[in-house]
Amino acid sequence: MSGYVFLVDFFAVILVVTGFSMAFRQSFVRRLIGRPPPPAPTIVAANSDEEPITYILRIAGVMVMVFGIAIGGMVTLFSLA
């Protein structure tokens, strides 16, 4: 395999780790971007148990993680073919 495959795979691993952190380690990402932790709910409402940024981080994190897996996998498999 050539050097660009390792470079793209390294970039893909960075994307996967970043996406995983955004989706599943949200308290860490909130501290990185300077957002306060989510407030403790005093009264549990029907559909307002979480902040909108929680869903944004979850969706965007999974999208970045899947993109990293796809781009790394495709470049590696095409170079092996």
PDB file of N, CA and C in Angstrom:
ATOM      1  N   MET A   1       0.847  -1.184   0.000  1.00  0.00           N
ATOM      2  CA  MET A   1       0.000   0.000   0.000  1.00  0.00           C
ATOM      3  C   MET A   1       0.887   1.239   0.000  1.00  0.00           C
ATOM      4  N   SER A   2       0.392   2.255  -0.653  1.00  0.00           N
ATOM      5  CA  SER A   2       1.191   3.476  -0.755  1.00  0.00           C
ATOM      6  C   SER A   2       0.948   4.388   0.451  1.00  0.00           C
ATOM      7  N   GLY A   3       1.698   5.460   0.486  1.00  0.00           N
ATOM      8  CA  GLY A   3       1.649   6.376   1.617  1.00  0.00           C
ATOM      9  C   GLY A   3       0.335   7.115   1.755  1.00  0.00           C
ATOM     10  N   TYR A   4      -0.329   7.403   0.634  1.00  0.00           N
ATOM     11  CA  TYR A   4      -1.584   8.151   0.741  1.00  0.00           C
ATOM     12  C   TYR A   4      -2.685   7.314   1.393  1.00  0.00           C
ATOM     13  N   VAL A   5      -2.600   6.001   1.263  1.00  0.00           N
ATOM     14  CA  VAL A   5      -3.591   5.134   1.912  1.00  0.00           C
ATOM     15  C   VAL A   5      -3.434   5.234   3.427  1.00  0.00           C
ATOM     16  N   PHE A   6      -2.198   5.219   3.906  1.00  0.00           N
ATOM     17  CA  PHE A   6      -1.983   5.363   5.344  1.00  0.00           C
ATOM     18  C   PHE A   6      -2.412   6.744   5.826  1.00  0.00           C
ATOM     19  N   LEU A   7      -2.192   7.758   5.012  1.00  0.00           N
ATOM     20  CA  LEU A   7      -2.599   9.112   5.375  1.00  0.00           C
ATOM     21  C   LEU A   7      -4.122   9.222   5.459  1.00  0.00           C
ATOM     22  N   VAL A   8      -4.816   8.665   4.486  1.00  0.00           N
ATOM     23  CA  VAL A   8      -6.286   8.689   4.495  1.00  0.00           C
ATOM     24  C   VAL A   8      -6.828   7.847   5.639  1.00  0.00           C
ATOM     25  N   ASP A   9      -6.207   6.703   5.909  1.00  0.00           N
ATOM     26  CA  ASP A   9      -6.647   5.865   7.023  1.00  0.00           C
ATOM     27  C   ASP A   9      -6.425   6.562   8.369  1.00  0.00           C
ATOM     28  N   PHE A  10      -5.328   7.279   8.506  1.00  0.00           N
ATOM     29  CA  PHE A  10      -5.075   8.042   9.725  1.00  0.00           C
ATOM     30  C   PHE A  10      -6.131   9.128   9.903  1.00  0.00           C
ATOM     31  N   PHE A  11      -6.470   9.827   8.815  1.00  0.00           N
ATOM     32  CA  PHE A  11      -7.527  10.833   8.859  1.00  0.00           C
ATOM     33  C   PHE A  11      -8.877  10.195   9.197  1.00  0.00           C
ATOM     34  N   ALA A  12      -9.136   9.010   8.672  1.00  0.00           N
ATOM     35  CA  ALA A  12     -10.388   8.305   8.961  1.00  0.00           C
ATOM     36  C   ALA A  12     -10.468   7.907  10.426  1.00  0.00           C
ATOM     37  N   VAL A  13      -9.358   7.480  11.008  1.00  0.00           N
ATOM     38  CA  VAL A  13      -9.349   7.132  12.429  1.00  0.00           C
ATOM     39  C   VAL A  13      -9.618   8.373  13.277  1.00  0.00           C
ATOM     40  N   ILE A  14      -9.063   9.505  12.887  1.00  0.00           N
ATOM     41  CA  ILE A  14      -9.334  10.754  13.607  1.00  0.00           C
ATOM     42  C   ILE A  14     -10.820  11.095  13.524  1.00  0.00           C
ATOM     43  N   LEU A  15     -11.421  10.927  12.352  1.00  0.00           N
ATOM     44  CA  LEU A  15     -12.855  11.178  12.207  1.00  0.00           C
ATOM     45  C   LEU A  15     -13.690  10.226  13.059  1.00  0.00           C
ATOM     46  N   VAL A  16     -13.310   8.971  13.098  1.00  0.00           N
ATOM     47  CA  VAL A  16     -14.058   7.986  13.881  1.00  0.00           C
ATOM     48  C   VAL A  16     -13.984   8.326  15.373  1.00  0.00           C
ATOM     49  N   VAL A  17     -12.810   8.666  15.859  1.00  0.00           N
ATOM     50  CA  VAL A  17     -12.660   9.007  17.278  1.00  0.00           C
ATOM     51  C   VAL A  17     -13.418  10.286  17.610  1.00  0.00           C
ATOM     52  N   THR A  18     -13.352  11.277  16.725  1.00  0.00           N
ATOM     53  CA  THR A  18     -14.084  12.521  16.940  1.00  0.00           C
ATOM     54  C   THR A  18     -15.590  12.282  16.939  1.00  0.00           C
ATOM     55  N   GLY A  19     -16.076  11.517  15.982  1.00  0.00           N
ATOM     56  CA  GLY A  19     -17.501  11.223  15.916  1.00  0.00           C
ATOM     57  C   GLY A  19     -17.983  10.424  17.103  1.00  0.00           C
ATOM     58  N   PHE A  20     -17.182   9.457  17.546  1.00  0.00           N
ATOM     59  CA  PHE A  20     -17.558   8.672  18.721  1.00  0.00           C
ATOM     60  C   PHE A  20     -17.638   9.560  19.955  1.00  0.00           C
ATOM     61  N   SER A  21     -16.675  10.469  20.081  1.00  0.00           N
ATOM     62  CA  SER A  21     -16.694  11.378  21.221  1.00  0.00           C
ATOM     63  C   SER A  21     -17.909  12.293  21.184  1.00  0.00           C
ATOM     64  N   MET A  22     -18.235  12.794  20.010  1.00  0.00           N
ATOM     65  CA  MET A  22     -19.402  13.668  19.890  1.00  0.00           C
ATOM     66  C   MET A  22     -20.690  12.927  20.219  1.00  0.00           C
ATOM     67  N   ALA A  23     -20.789  11.689  19.799  1.00  0.00           N
ATOM     68  CA  ALA A  23     -22.039  10.955  19.976  1.00  0.00           C
ATOM     69  C   ALA A  23     -22.183  10.370  21.374  1.00  0.00           C
ATOM     70  N   PHE A  24     -21.107   9.852  21.942  1.00  0.00           N
ATOM     71  CA  PHE A  24     -21.240   9.074  23.167  1.00  0.00           C
ATOM     72  C   PHE A  24     -20.486   9.634  24.366  1.00  0.00           C
ATOM     73  N   ARG A  25     -19.629  10.607  24.179  1.00  0.00           N
ATOM     74  CA  ARG A  25     -18.904  11.258  25.277  1.00  0.00           C
ATOM     75  C   ARG A  25     -19.241  12.742  25.272  1.00  0.00           C
ATOM     76  N   GLN A  26     -20.517  13.052  25.440  1.00  0.00           N
ATOM     77  CA  GLN A  26     -20.979  14.419  25.243  1.00  0.00           C
ATOM     78  C   GLN A  26     -20.507  15.378  26.328  1.00  0.00           C
ATOM     79  N   SER A  27     -20.300  14.911  27.535  1.00  0.00           N
ATOM     80  CA  SER A  27     -19.832  15.822  28.581  1.00  0.00           C
ATOM     81  C   SER A  27     -18.422  16.328  28.250  1.00  0.00           C
ATOM     82  N   PHE A  28     -17.583  15.458  27.696  1.00  0.00           N
ATOM     83  CA  PHE A  28     -16.235  15.856  27.289  1.00  0.00           C
ATOM     84  C   PHE A  28     -16.284  16.883  26.154  1.00  0.00           C
ATOM     85  N   VAL A  29     -17.139  16.657  25.171  1.00  0.00           N
ATOM     86  CA  VAL A  29     -17.250  17.564  24.024  1.00  0.00           C
ATOM     87  C   VAL A  29     -17.851  18.901  24.463  1.00  0.00           C
ATOM     88  N   ARG A  30     -18.804  18.862  25.385  1.00  0.00           N
ATOM     89  CA  ARG A  30     -19.386  20.107  25.895  1.00  0.00           C
ATOM     90  C   ARG A  30     -18.326  20.964  26.571  1.00  0.00           C
ATOM     91  N   ARG A  31     -17.423  20.334  27.329  1.00  0.00           N
ATOM     92  CA  ARG A  31     -16.341  21.092  27.960  1.00  0.00           C
ATOM     93  C   ARG A  31     -15.392  21.660  26.916  1.00  0.00           C
ATOM     94  N   LEU A  32     -15.125  20.896  25.839  1.00  0.00           N
ATOM     95  CA  LEU A  32     -14.218  21.380  24.791  1.00  0.00           C
ATOM     96  C   LEU A  32     -14.769  22.607  24.073  1.00  0.00           C
ATOM     97  N   ILE A  33     -16.073  22.618  23.797  1.00  0.00           N
ATOM     98  CA  ILE A  33     -16.648  23.741  23.061  1.00  0.00           C
ATOM     99  C   ILE A  33     -17.141  24.847  23.980  1.00  0.00           C
ATOM    100  N   GLY A  34     -16.965  24.675  25.297  1.00  0.00           N
ATOM    101  CA  GLY A  34     -17.296  25.731  26.232  1.00  0.00           C
ATOM    102  C   GLY A  34     -18.757  25.815  26.631  1.00  0.00           C
ATOM    103  N   ARG A  35     -19.506  24.760  26.420  1.00  0.00           N
ATOM    104  CA  ARG A  35     -20.918  24.744  26.809  1.00  0.00           C
ATOM    105  C   ARG A  35     -21.037  24.213  28.233  1.00  0.00           C
ATOM    106  N   PRO A  36     -21.993  24.722  28.994  1.00  0.00           N
ATOM    107  CA  PRO A  36     -22.175  24.186  30.349  1.00  0.00           C
ATOM    108  C   PRO A  36     -22.806  22.798  30.293  1.00  0.00           C
ATOM    109  N   PRO A  37     -22.640  22.025  31.352  1.00  0.00           N
ATOM    110  CA  PRO A  37     -23.296  20.710  31.376  1.00  0.00           C
ATOM    111  C   PRO A  37     -24.806  20.879  31.385  1.00  0.00           C
ATOM    112  N   PRO A  38     -25.529  19.863  30.958  1.00  0.00           N
ATOM    113  CA  PRO A  38     -26.985  20.008  30.926  1.00  0.00           C
ATOM    114  C   PRO A  38     -27.541  20.207  32.324  1.00  0.00           C
ATOM    115  N   PRO A  39     -28.569  21.049  32.459  1.00  0.00           N
ATOM    116  CA  PRO A  39     -29.127  21.292  33.790  1.00  0.00           C
ATOM    117  C   PRO A  39     -29.857  20.052  34.303  1.00  0.00           C
ATOM    118  N   ALA A  40     -29.831  19.911  35.599  1.00  0.00           N
ATOM    119  CA  ALA A  40     -30.539  18.783  36.209  1.00  0.00           C
ATOM    120  C   ALA A  40     -32.039  19.049  36.122  1.00  0.00           C
ATOM    121  N   PRO A  41     -32.804  18.101  35.605  1.00  0.00           N
ATOM    122  CA  PRO A  41     -34.242  18.340  35.458  1.00  0.00           C
ATOM    123  C   PRO A  41     -34.931  18.341  36.821  1.00  0.00           C
ATOM    124  N   THR A  42     -35.734  19.372  37.041  1.00  0.00           N
ATOM    125  CA  THR A  42     -36.477  19.442  38.291  1.00  0.00           C
ATOM    126  C   THR A  42     -37.815  18.723  38.152  1.00  0.00           C
ATOM    127  N   ILE A  43     -38.478  18.942  37.042  1.00  0.00           N
ATOM    128  CA  ILE A  43     -39.742  18.268  36.758  1.00  0.00           C
ATOM    129  C   ILE A  43     -39.587  17.595  35.395  1.00  0.00           C
ATOM    130  N   VAL A  44     -39.875  16.334  35.327  1.00  0.00           N
ATOM    131  CA  VAL A  44     -39.753  15.604  34.073  1.00  0.00           C
ATOM    132  C   VAL A  44     -40.998  15.873  33.242  1.00  0.00           C
ATOM    133  N   ALA A  45     -40.794  16.500  32.091  1.00  0.00           N
ATOM    134  CA  ALA A  45     -41.904  16.765  31.182  1.00  0.00           C
ATOM    135  C   ALA A  45     -42.017  15.617  30.188  1.00  0.00           C
ATOM    136  N   ALA A  46     -43.047  15.678  29.368  1.00  0.00           N
ATOM    137  CA  ALA A  46     -43.319  14.585  28.435  1.00  0.00           C
ATOM    138  C   ALA A  46     -42.207  14.417  27.407  1.00  0.00           C
ATOM    139  N   ASN A  47     -41.855  15.481  26.687  1.00  0.00           N
ATOM    140  CA  ASN A  47     -40.867  15.360  25.611  1.00  0.00           C
ATOM    141  C   ASN A  47     -39.701  16.323  25.752  1.00  0.00           C
ATOM    142  N   SER A  48     -39.514  16.922  26.888  1.00  0.00           N
ATOM    143  CA  SER A  48     -38.449  17.909  27.019  1.00  0.00           C
ATOM    144  C   SER A  48     -37.433  17.483  28.073  1.00  0.00           C
ATOM    145  N   ASP A  49     -36.984  16.238  28.002  1.00  0.00           N
ATOM    146  CA  ASP A  49     -36.050  15.753  29.004  1.00  0.00           C
ATOM    147  C   ASP A  49     -34.603  16.064  28.669  1.00  0.00           C
ATOM    148  N   GLU A  50     -34.298  16.472  27.454  1.00  0.00           N
ATOM    149  CA  GLU A  50     -32.923  16.771  27.083  1.00  0.00           C
ATOM    150  C   GLU A  50     -32.870  18.041  26.262  1.00  0.00           C
ATOM    151  N   GLU A  51     -31.697  18.633  26.239  1.00  0.00           N
ATOM    152  CA  GLU A  51     -31.480  19.850  25.466  1.00  0.00           C
ATOM    153  C   GLU A  51     -31.343  19.526  23.981  1.00  0.00           C
ATOM    154  N   PRO A  52     -31.593  20.495  23.112  1.00  0.00           N
ATOM    155  CA  PRO A  52     -31.418  20.240  21.670  1.00  0.00           C
ATOM    156  C   PRO A  52     -29.973  19.932  21.288  1.00  0.00           C
ATOM    157  N   ILE A  53     -29.000  20.502  22.010  1.00  0.00           N
ATOM    158  CA  ILE A  53     -27.600  20.229  21.647  1.00  0.00           C
ATOM    159  C   ILE A  53     -27.241  18.760  21.858  1.00  0.00           C
ATOM    160  N   THR A  54     -27.957  18.085  22.750  1.00  0.00           N
ATOM    161  CA  THR A  54     -27.717  16.653  22.937  1.00  0.00           C
ATOM    162  C   THR A  54     -28.023  15.888  21.668  1.00  0.00           C
ATOM    163  N   TYR A  55     -29.137  16.200  21.056  1.00  0.00           N
ATOM    164  CA  TYR A  55     -29.512  15.522  19.806  1.00  0.00           C
ATOM    165  C   TYR A  55     -28.601  15.938  18.663  1.00  0.00           C
ATOM    166  N   ILE A  56     -28.206  17.194  18.633  1.00  0.00           N
ATOM    167  CA  ILE A  56     -27.303  17.670  17.578  1.00  0.00           C
ATOM    168  C   ILE A  56     -25.971  16.939  17.657  1.00  0.00           C
ATOM    169  N   LEU A  57     -25.402  16.848  18.859  1.00  0.00           N
ATOM    170  CA  LEU A  57     -24.129  16.148  19.021  1.00  0.00           C
ATOM    171  C   LEU A  57     -24.260  14.665  18.699  1.00  0.00           C
ATOM    172  N   ARG A  58     -25.370  14.072  19.078  1.00  0.00           N
ATOM    173  CA  ARG A  58     -25.571  12.643  18.822  1.00  0.00           C
ATOM    174  C   ARG A  58     -25.664  12.354  17.321  1.00  0.00           C
ATOM    175  N   ILE A  59     -26.483  13.124  16.623  1.00  0.00           N
ATOM    176  CA  ILE A  59     -26.671  12.894  15.186  1.00  0.00           C
ATOM    177  C   ILE A  59     -25.406  13.226  14.404  1.00  0.00           C
ATOM    178  N   ALA A  60     -24.809  14.386  14.684  1.00  0.00           N
ATOM    179  CA  ALA A  60     -23.598  14.782  13.963  1.00  0.00           C
ATOM    180  C   ALA A  60     -22.436  13.840  14.272  1.00  0.00           C
ATOM    181  N   GLY A  61     -22.348  13.387  15.510  1.00  0.00           N
ATOM    182  CA  GLY A  61     -21.274  12.469  15.874  1.00  0.00           C
ATOM    183  C   GLY A  61     -21.360  11.148  15.144  1.00  0.00           C
ATOM    184  N   VAL A  62     -22.554  10.607  15.056  1.00  0.00           N
ATOM    185  CA  VAL A  62     -22.721   9.345  14.332  1.00  0.00           C
ATOM    186  C   VAL A  62     -22.432   9.540  12.846  1.00  0.00           C
ATOM    187  N   MET A  63     -22.850  10.670  12.289  1.00  0.00           N
ATOM    188  CA  MET A  63     -22.580  10.930  10.871  1.00  0.00           C
ATOM    189  C   MET A  63     -21.080  11.038  10.603  1.00  0.00           C
ATOM    190  N   VAL A  64     -20.338  11.743  11.452  1.00  0.00           N
ATOM    191  CA  VAL A  64     -18.889  11.876  11.275  1.00  0.00           C
ATOM    192  C   VAL A  64     -18.206  10.524  11.450  1.00  0.00           C
ATOM    193  N   MET A  65     -18.662   9.744  12.443  1.00  0.00           N
ATOM    194  CA  MET A  65     -18.064   8.436  12.693  1.00  0.00           C
ATOM    195  C   MET A  65     -18.274   7.494  11.503  1.00  0.00           C
ATOM    196  N   VAL A  66     -19.469   7.461  10.965  1.00  0.00           N
ATOM    197  CA  VAL A  66     -19.751   6.591   9.812  1.00  0.00           C
ATOM    198  C   VAL A  66     -18.987   7.058   8.576  1.00  0.00           C
ATOM    199  N   PHE A  67     -18.861   8.374   8.400  1.00  0.00           N
ATOM    200  CA  PHE A  67     -18.085   8.878   7.267  1.00  0.00           C
ATOM    201  C   PHE A  67     -16.629   8.450   7.378  1.00  0.00           C
ATOM    202  N   GLY A  68     -16.057   8.506   8.564  1.00  0.00           N
ATOM    203  CA  GLY A  68     -14.679   8.065   8.752  1.00  0.00           C
ATOM    204  C   GLY A  68     -14.507   6.595   8.447  1.00  0.00           C
ATOM    205  N   ILE A  69     -15.462   5.780   8.914  1.00  0.00           N
ATOM    206  CA  ILE A  69     -15.388   4.341   8.634  1.00  0.00           C
ATOM    207  C   ILE A  69     -15.521   4.081   7.137  1.00  0.00           C
ATOM    208  N   ALA A  70     -16.439   4.778   6.477  1.00  0.00           N
ATOM    209  CA  ALA A  70     -16.677   4.545   5.047  1.00  0.00           C
ATOM    210  C   ALA A  70     -15.490   4.987   4.205  1.00  0.00           C
ATOM    211  N   ILE A  71     -14.965   6.185   4.464  1.00  0.00           N
ATOM    212  CA  ILE A  71     -13.875   6.685   3.623  1.00  0.00           C
ATOM    213  C   ILE A  71     -12.603   5.858   3.844  1.00  0.00           C
ATOM    214  N   GLY A  72     -12.317   5.496   5.091  1.00  0.00           N
ATOM    215  CA  GLY A  72     -11.147   4.665   5.357  1.00  0.00           C
ATOM    216  C   GLY A  72     -11.278   3.279   4.760  1.00  0.00           C
ATOM    217  N   GLY A  73     -12.460   2.701   4.901  1.00  0.00           N
ATOM    218  CA  GLY A  73     -12.680   1.363   4.341  1.00  0.00           C
ATOM    219  C   GLY A  73     -12.614   1.334   2.834  1.00  0.00           C
ATOM    220  N   MET A  74     -13.224   2.331   2.194  1.00  0.00           N
ATOM    221  CA  MET A  74     -13.222   2.346   0.725  1.00  0.00           C
ATOM    222  C   MET A  74     -11.817   2.538   0.165  1.00  0.00           C
ATOM    223  N   VAL A  75     -11.050   3.475   0.735  1.00  0.00           N
ATOM    224  CA  VAL A  75      -9.697   3.717   0.214  1.00  0.00           C
ATOM    225  C   VAL A  75      -8.824   2.488   0.433  1.00  0.00           C
ATOM    226  N   THR A  76      -8.944   1.875   1.596  1.00  0.00           N
ATOM    227  CA  THR A  76      -8.127   0.689   1.875  1.00  0.00           C
ATOM    228  C   THR A  76      -8.502  -0.474   0.953  1.00  0.00           C
ATOM    229  N   LEU A  77      -9.789  -0.724   0.802  1.00  0.00           N
ATOM    230  CA  LEU A  77     -10.210  -1.839  -0.044  1.00  0.00           C
ATOM    231  C   LEU A  77      -9.882  -1.603  -1.514  1.00  0.00           C
ATOM    232  N   PHE A  78     -10.024  -0.357  -1.999  1.00  0.00           N
ATOM    233  CA  PHE A  78      -9.675  -0.091  -3.398  1.00  0.00           C
ATOM    234  C   PHE A  78      -8.184  -0.207  -3.636  1.00  0.00           C
ATOM    235  N   SER A  79      -7.374   0.107  -2.633  1.00  0.00           N
ATOM    236  CA  SER A  79      -5.932  -0.027  -2.834  1.00  0.00           C
ATOM    237  C   SER A  79      -5.495  -1.486  -2.786  1.00  0.00           C
ATOM    238  N   LEU A  80      -6.255  -2.328  -2.092  1.00  0.00           N
ATOM    239  CA  LEU A  80      -5.914  -3.750  -2.034  1.00  0.00           C
ATOM    240  C   LEU A  80      -6.387  -4.515  -3.266  1.00  0.00           C
ATOM    241  N   ALA A  81      -7.339  -3.945  -3.997  1.00  0.00           N
ATOM    242  CA  ALA A  81      -7.897  -4.638  -5.164  1.00  0.00           C
ATOM    243  C   ALA A  81      -6.955  -4.633  -6.346  1.00  0.00           C
TER     244      ALA A  81
END
